[in-house]
Amino acid sequence: MRLRVVDLETTGGDRTSEIIEVGFVDVVREGTGWRARPPVSRLFRPRGEISVHAMAVHHLTPEDFCDADPHCDEYALRALFAEPVDVMVAHNAQFERAFIADTATGGLPWICTVRSAKAVWPQAPGHSNQVLRYWRGLQLDRALANPAHRAGPDAWVTAHLLIDLLAEASVEQMIEWTRQPRRLDRIPFGKHRGRPWSEPPDDYLRWMAAQAEMDAAVVAAARQELERRAGAPSAALAEPSDAG
């Protein structure tokens, strides 16, 4: 089995942004354990501007792309990911999946190491890959693990977090955690933002639960609260078939 840990740097923070750097590390089974293969990273020249906020995170500026590959599209990702693997992995898979279409990976399942780490190590002081790196005491080659917030080094750190997680959870369990709607303790937006799910009126929750384009985790949380108030699950409020 081969697991591909991927990390992206982009021109901004929303889905209209462009990929400007791809880094990945393949984690392969070796005997009874796992080993990280050397990281691969590639720069892609953007068509548009890089936001100042993005530059402040990854420190990539227009001058870094003079000799870079052309714009990163699905064909470029397919070529980069040509060597077959079994599972895709990212530390925040929701972010990477917004830029990497299933058609670029052949519809492979994903593991989100944030969700997996929260399930395995809920007591951690934080769940970013760098916080977990030091909290777990990972001894990494600094030349490969630094600088932070660049695609290759971040993929290298996440790959070793994945290996650490694999000592306590199976690949299948982590895939399942990733597929489940993320848990929301409070309402994340709107006039009831920040309030517990027990506070809004039923009609507001019904509106949220009926929105086909809304975040699956929000829909699931609204439906669960309605079910709690009703005292029993209702067929009309069944979970969506694809909540991942």
Foldseek 3Di string as FASTA:
>chain_A
DKEKEKDFQWLDDDLVIFTFKIKIWIWDDDVPAIDIDAMDMFGEQDPDHRDPVSCVQQVDHNVVPPPGHYGDDLVNLLVVCVPADAEYEYQAVVRVCSRHPCVSRVNHFYFHLQLLCCVVPVVQPDRDLVSCCVVVPPDDDDVQLDDPRHTRNSNVSVSVSVRVSCVPDPPVVRSVSVQAQDADQADCDDPRHPHGLLPDDLVVLVVQLPDPPDQLNSNVRSLVNVCVVVVHHDPVSDRDPRND
